[in-house]
Amino acid sequence: MSNLGPKPAGVSRETTLHVRDHCLCLATRQAARAISRRFDEAFRPLKLTSGQFSLLMSLNRPEPPTMGSVAALLAMDRTTLTANLKPLERRGFVETRIDAADRRGRRLLLTAAGRKALRAAVPLWQRTHADVDRLLAAAGADPDALRRSLRVLA
């Protein structure tokens, strides 16, 4: 056994438990993963993920949005957005086009196939969303208050 120097002072078990029970970051990450899994399962028959649904929905606008506006709405950087667009582009759901007003920019077009996929996904989202709202209400939580609180943090 080698001597690696003095053992660093640890964090107490009490502190660990306090962080586990009070950390909003941990709680929101756990909840986000659980909700994502629930929606991923709902969208599985369409071969969509919850993230892909959100991305497609963010493109459902009268005019094709810029990459920057979509990235901001989805709280992701442009590199992550580009990576997330690729499978949707391969499936023909999304097209990236040069912005006519600023040739350096790109706009994202929801194609007819993308709109069809979105139409098929919305009833699945509605059912799953209603299930989540019921689950929260049954636990004494107010889903609308939770949404408002999360938007304050976002």
C-alpha atoms as a PDB file:
ATOM      1  CA  MET A   1       0.000   0.000   0.000  1.00  0.00           C
ATOM      2  CA  SER A   2       1.519   3.288  -1.050  1.00  0.00           C
ATOM      3  CA  ASN A   3       1.385   6.422   0.982  1.00  0.00           C
ATOM      4  CA  LEU A   4      -0.408   9.055  -1.072  1.00  0.00           C
ATOM      5  CA  GLY A   5      -0.150  11.706   1.567  1.00  0.00           C
ATOM      6  CA  PRO A   6      -2.588  12.792   4.237  1.00  0.00           C
ATOM      7  CA  LYS A   7      -6.163  11.723   3.851  1.00  0.00           C
ATOM      8  CA  PRO A   8      -8.229  14.748   2.765  1.00  0.00           C
ATOM      9  CA  ALA A   9     -10.951  15.916   5.093  1.00  0.00           C
ATOM     10  CA  GLY A  10     -14.237  14.456   3.966  1.00  0.00           C
ATOM     11  CA  VAL A  11     -17.730  15.829   3.874  1.00  0.00           C
ATOM     12  CA  SER A  12     -19.882  14.612   6.718  1.00  0.00           C
ATOM     13  CA  ARG A  13     -22.673  12.129   6.139  1.00  0.00           C
ATOM     14  CA  GLU A  14     -25.021  14.719   7.607  1.00  0.00           C
ATOM     15  CA  THR A  15     -24.017  17.223   4.895  1.00  0.00           C
ATOM     16  CA  THR A  16     -24.416  14.583   2.195  1.00  0.00           C
ATOM     17  CA  LEU A  17     -27.932  13.799   3.362  1.00  0.00           C
ATOM     18  CA  HIS A  18     -28.796  17.490   3.645  1.00  0.00           C
ATOM     19  CA  VAL A  19     -27.698  18.106   0.046  1.00  0.00           C
ATOM     20  CA  ARG A  20     -29.593  15.011  -1.136  1.00  0.00           C
ATOM     21  CA  ASP A  21     -32.776  16.201   0.552  1.00  0.00           C
ATOM     22  CA  HIS A  22     -32.546  19.943  -0.234  1.00  0.00           C
ATOM     23  CA  CYS A  23     -30.655  20.382  -3.501  1.00  0.00           C
ATOM     24  CA  LEU A  24     -32.961  21.864  -6.143  1.00  0.00           C
ATOM     25  CA  CYS A  25     -30.454  21.059  -8.871  1.00  0.00           C
ATOM     26  CA  LEU A  26     -30.468  17.350  -7.965  1.00  0.00           C
ATOM     27  CA  ALA A  27     -34.249  17.251  -7.569  1.00  0.00           C
ATOM     28  CA  THR A  28     -34.899  18.943 -10.908  1.00  0.00           C
ATOM     29  CA  ARG A  29     -32.397  16.679 -12.692  1.00  0.00           C
ATOM     30  CA  GLN A  30     -34.027  13.583 -11.198  1.00  0.00           C
ATOM     31  CA  ALA A  31     -37.488  14.814 -12.120  1.00  0.00           C
ATOM     32  CA  ALA A  32     -36.405  15.842 -15.622  1.00  0.00           C
ATOM     33  CA  ARG A  33     -34.922  12.405 -16.266  1.00  0.00           C
ATOM     34  CA  ALA A  34     -38.021  10.643 -14.960  1.00  0.00           C
ATOM     35  CA  ILE A  35     -40.378  12.812 -17.011  1.00  0.00           C
ATOM     36  CA  SER A  36     -38.194  12.414 -20.106  1.00  0.00           C
ATOM     37  CA  ARG A  37     -38.268   8.617 -19.730  1.00  0.00           C
ATOM     38  CA  ARG A  38     -42.069   8.718 -19.430  1.00  0.00           C
ATOM     39  CA  PHE A  39     -42.445  10.796 -22.605  1.00  0.00           C
ATOM     40  CA  ASP A  40     -39.756   8.814 -24.455  1.00  0.00           C
ATOM     41  CA  GLU A  41     -41.807   5.690 -23.783  1.00  0.00           C
ATOM     42  CA  ALA A  42     -44.978   7.391 -25.034  1.00  0.00           C
ATOM     43  CA  PHE A  43     -43.274   8.510 -28.272  1.00  0.00           C
ATOM     44  CA  ARG A  44     -41.488   5.183 -28.853  1.00  0.00           C
ATOM     45  CA  PRO A  45     -44.115   3.917 -31.376  1.00  0.00           C
ATOM     46  CA  LEU A  46     -43.284   6.956 -33.524  1.00  0.00           C
ATOM     47  CA  LYS A  47     -39.526   6.415 -33.106  1.00  0.00           C
ATOM     48  CA  LEU A  48     -39.246   9.858 -31.510  1.00  0.00           C
ATOM     49  CA  THR A  49     -37.713  10.952 -28.235  1.00  0.00           C
ATOM     50  CA  SER A  50     -39.124  13.601 -25.938  1.00  0.00           C
ATOM     51  CA  GLY A  51     -36.291  15.899 -26.981  1.00  0.00           C
ATOM     52  CA  GLN A  52     -37.082  15.391 -30.652  1.00  0.00           C
ATOM     53  CA  PHE A  53     -40.747  16.143 -29.982  1.00  0.00           C
ATOM     54  CA  SER A  54     -39.785  19.382 -28.241  1.00  0.00           C
ATOM     55  CA  LEU A  55     -37.504  20.309 -31.112  1.00  0.00           C
ATOM     56  CA  LEU A  56     -40.163  19.619 -33.733  1.00  0.00           C
ATOM     57  CA  MET A  57     -42.718  21.569 -31.701  1.00  0.00           C
ATOM     58  CA  SER A  58     -40.300  24.512 -31.444  1.00  0.00           C
ATOM     59  CA  LEU A  59     -40.215  24.662 -35.258  1.00  0.00           C
ATOM     60  CA  ASN A  60     -44.004  24.751 -35.598  1.00  0.00           C
ATOM     61  CA  ARG A  61     -44.214  28.466 -36.354  1.00  0.00           C
ATOM     62  CA  PRO A  62     -45.644  30.580 -39.162  1.00  0.00           C
ATOM     63  CA  GLU A  63     -42.102  31.396 -40.369  1.00  0.00           C
ATOM     64  CA  PRO A  64     -39.049  29.148 -40.143  1.00  0.00           C
ATOM     65  CA  PRO A  65     -37.142  30.216 -37.011  1.00  0.00           C
ATOM     66  CA  THR A  66     -33.445  30.952 -36.801  1.00  0.00           C
ATOM     67  CA  MET A  67     -31.136  28.428 -35.212  1.00  0.00           C
ATOM     68  CA  GLY A  68     -30.351  30.957 -32.484  1.00  0.00           C
ATOM     69  CA  SER A  69     -33.994  31.447 -31.519  1.00  0.00           C
ATOM     70  CA  VAL A  70     -34.601  27.685 -31.352  1.00  0.00           C
ATOM     71  CA  ALA A  71     -31.438  27.121 -29.313  1.00  0.00           C
ATOM     72  CA  ALA A  72     -32.525  29.851 -26.881  1.00  0.00           C
ATOM     73  CA  LEU A  73     -36.053  28.449 -26.543  1.00  0.00           C
ATOM     74  CA  LEU A  74     -34.727  24.944 -25.859  1.00  0.00           C
ATOM     75  CA  ALA A  75     -31.961  26.244 -23.548  1.00  0.00           C
ATOM     76  CA  MET A  76     -29.180  24.599 -25.545  1.00  0.00           C
ATOM     77  CA  ASP A  77     -26.135  25.814 -27.391  1.00  0.00           C
ATOM     78  CA  ARG A  78     -26.030  25.843 -31.177  1.00  0.00           C
ATOM     79  CA  THR A  79     -23.620  22.900 -31.349  1.00  0.00           C
ATOM     80  CA  THR A  80     -26.005  20.736 -29.342  1.00  0.00           C
ATOM     81  CA  LEU A  81     -28.922  21.921 -31.458  1.00  0.00           C
ATOM     82  CA  THR A  82     -27.052  21.000 -34.647  1.00  0.00           C
ATOM     83  CA  ALA A  83     -26.364  17.502 -33.288  1.00  0.00           C
ATOM     84  CA  ASN A  84     -30.018  17.092 -32.307  1.00  0.00           C
ATOM     85  CA  LEU A  85     -31.215  18.215 -35.738  1.00  0.00           C
ATOM     86  CA  LYS A  86     -29.244  15.596 -37.675  1.00  0.00           C
ATOM     87  CA  PRO A  87     -31.509  12.574 -37.008  1.00  0.00           C
ATOM     88  CA  LEU A  88     -34.591  14.686 -37.763  1.00  0.00           C
ATOM     89  CA  GLU A  89     -33.039  15.889 -41.000  1.00  0.00           C
ATOM     90  CA  ARG A  90     -32.182  12.294 -41.981  1.00  0.00           C
ATOM     91  CA  ARG A  91     -35.825  11.358 -41.447  1.00  0.00           C
ATOM     92  CA  GLY A  92     -36.936  14.276 -43.610  1.00  0.00           C
ATOM     93  CA  PHE A  93     -38.702  16.070 -40.748  1.00  0.00           C
ATOM     94  CA  VAL A  94     -36.532  19.194 -40.807  1.00  0.00           C
ATOM     95  CA  GLU A  95     -34.574  21.147 -43.403  1.00  0.00           C
ATOM     96  CA  THR A  96     -31.885  23.707 -42.697  1.00  0.00           C
ATOM     97  CA  ARG A  97     -31.891  26.629 -45.108  1.00  0.00           C
ATOM     98  CA  ILE A  98     -29.805  29.732 -45.582  1.00  0.00           C
ATOM     99  CA  ASP A  99     -31.490  32.804 -44.118  1.00  0.00           C
ATOM    100  CA  ALA A 100     -32.427  35.080 -47.039  1.00  0.00           C
ATOM    101  CA  ALA A 101     -32.121  38.167 -44.823  1.00  0.00           C
ATOM    102  CA  ASP A 102     -28.678  37.190 -43.466  1.00  0.00           C
ATOM    103  CA  ARG A 103     -26.813  34.686 -45.611  1.00  0.00           C
ATOM    104  CA  ARG A 104     -24.558  33.808 -42.662  1.00  0.00           C
ATOM    105  CA  GLY A 105     -27.563  32.577 -40.670  1.00  0.00           C
ATOM    106  CA  ARG A 106     -29.643  29.432 -40.948  1.00  0.00           C
ATOM    107  CA  ARG A 107     -33.381  28.913 -40.635  1.00  0.00           C
ATOM    108  CA  LEU A 108     -35.049  25.651 -39.686  1.00  0.00           C
ATOM    109  CA  LEU A 109     -37.993  24.454 -41.730  1.00  0.00           C
ATOM    110  CA  LEU A 110     -40.469  21.906 -40.423  1.00  0.00           C
ATOM    111  CA  THR A 111     -41.274  19.795 -43.496  1.00  0.00           C
ATOM    112  CA  ALA A 112     -44.583  18.162 -44.401  1.00  0.00           C
ATOM    113  CA  ALA A 113     -43.221  14.889 -42.989  1.00  0.00           C
ATOM    114  CA  GLY A 114     -42.235  16.719 -39.798  1.00  0.00           C
ATOM    115  CA  ARG A 115     -45.709  18.234 -39.467  1.00  0.00           C
ATOM    116  CA  LYS A 116     -47.229  14.766 -39.966  1.00  0.00           C
ATOM    117  CA  ALA A 117     -44.981  13.301 -37.251  1.00  0.00           C
ATOM    118  CA  LEU A 118     -45.897  16.163 -34.945  1.00  0.00           C
ATOM    119  CA  ARG A 119     -49.637  15.619 -35.566  1.00  0.00           C
ATOM    120  CA  ALA A 120     -49.213  11.938 -34.655  1.00  0.00           C
ATOM    121  CA  ALA A 121     -47.202  12.794 -31.543  1.00  0.00           C
ATOM    122  CA  VAL A 122     -49.505  15.440 -30.063  1.00  0.00           C
ATOM    123  CA  PRO A 123     -52.215  12.997 -28.827  1.00  0.00           C
ATOM    124  CA  LEU A 124     -49.486  10.894 -27.171  1.00  0.00           C
ATOM    125  CA  TRP A 125     -48.103  14.036 -25.536  1.00  0.00           C
ATOM    126  CA  GLN A 126     -51.588  15.080 -24.384  1.00  0.00           C
ATOM    127  CA  ARG A 127     -52.293  11.704 -22.742  1.00  0.00           C
ATOM    128  CA  THR A 128     -48.884  11.496 -21.087  1.00  0.00           C
ATOM    129  CA  HIS A 129     -49.028  15.103 -19.962  1.00  0.00           C
ATOM    130  CA  ALA A 130     -52.468  14.564 -18.407  1.00  0.00           C
ATOM    131  CA  ASP A 131     -51.065  11.488 -16.591  1.00  0.00           C
ATOM    132  CA  VAL A 132     -48.183  13.557 -15.166  1.00  0.00           C
ATOM    133  CA  ASP A 133     -50.560  16.336 -14.080  1.00  0.00           C
ATOM    134  CA  ARG A 134     -52.806  13.757 -12.364  1.00  0.00           C
ATOM    135  CA  LEU A 135     -49.800  12.183 -10.630  1.00  0.00           C
ATOM    136  CA  LEU A 136     -48.686  15.571  -9.322  1.00  0.00           C
ATOM    137  CA  ALA A 137     -52.190  16.524  -8.193  1.00  0.00           C
ATOM    138  CA  ALA A 138     -52.616  13.175  -6.407  1.00  0.00           C
ATOM    139  CA  ALA A 139     -49.426  13.948  -4.463  1.00  0.00           C
ATOM    140  CA  GLY A 140     -50.865  17.322  -3.433  1.00  0.00           C
ATOM    141  CA  ALA A 141     -48.775  19.339  -5.887  1.00  0.00           C
ATOM    142  CA  ASP A 142     -50.178  22.051  -8.123  1.00  0.00           C
ATOM    143  CA  PRO A 143     -48.914  21.368 -11.678  1.00  0.00           C
ATOM    144  CA  ASP A 144     -49.578  24.950 -12.801  1.00  0.00           C
ATOM    145  CA  ALA A 145     -47.671  26.379  -9.829  1.00  0.00           C
ATOM    146  CA  LEU A 146     -44.809  24.006 -10.566  1.00  0.00           C
ATOM    147  CA  ARG A 147     -44.684  25.165 -14.190  1.00  0.00           C
ATOM    148  CA  ARG A 148     -44.655  28.805 -13.078  1.00  0.00           C
ATOM    149  CA  SER A 149     -41.865  28.118 -10.595  1.00  0.00           C
ATOM    150  CA  LEU A 150     -39.760  26.282 -13.164  1.00  0.00           C
ATOM    151  CA  ARG A 151     -40.189  29.147 -15.648  1.00  0.00           C
ATOM    152  CA  VAL A 152     -38.913  31.585 -13.012  1.00  0.00           C
ATOM    153  CA  LEU A 153     -35.743  29.500 -12.749  1.00  0.00           C
ATOM    154  CA  ALA A 154     -35.395  29.133 -16.508  1.00  0.00           C
END
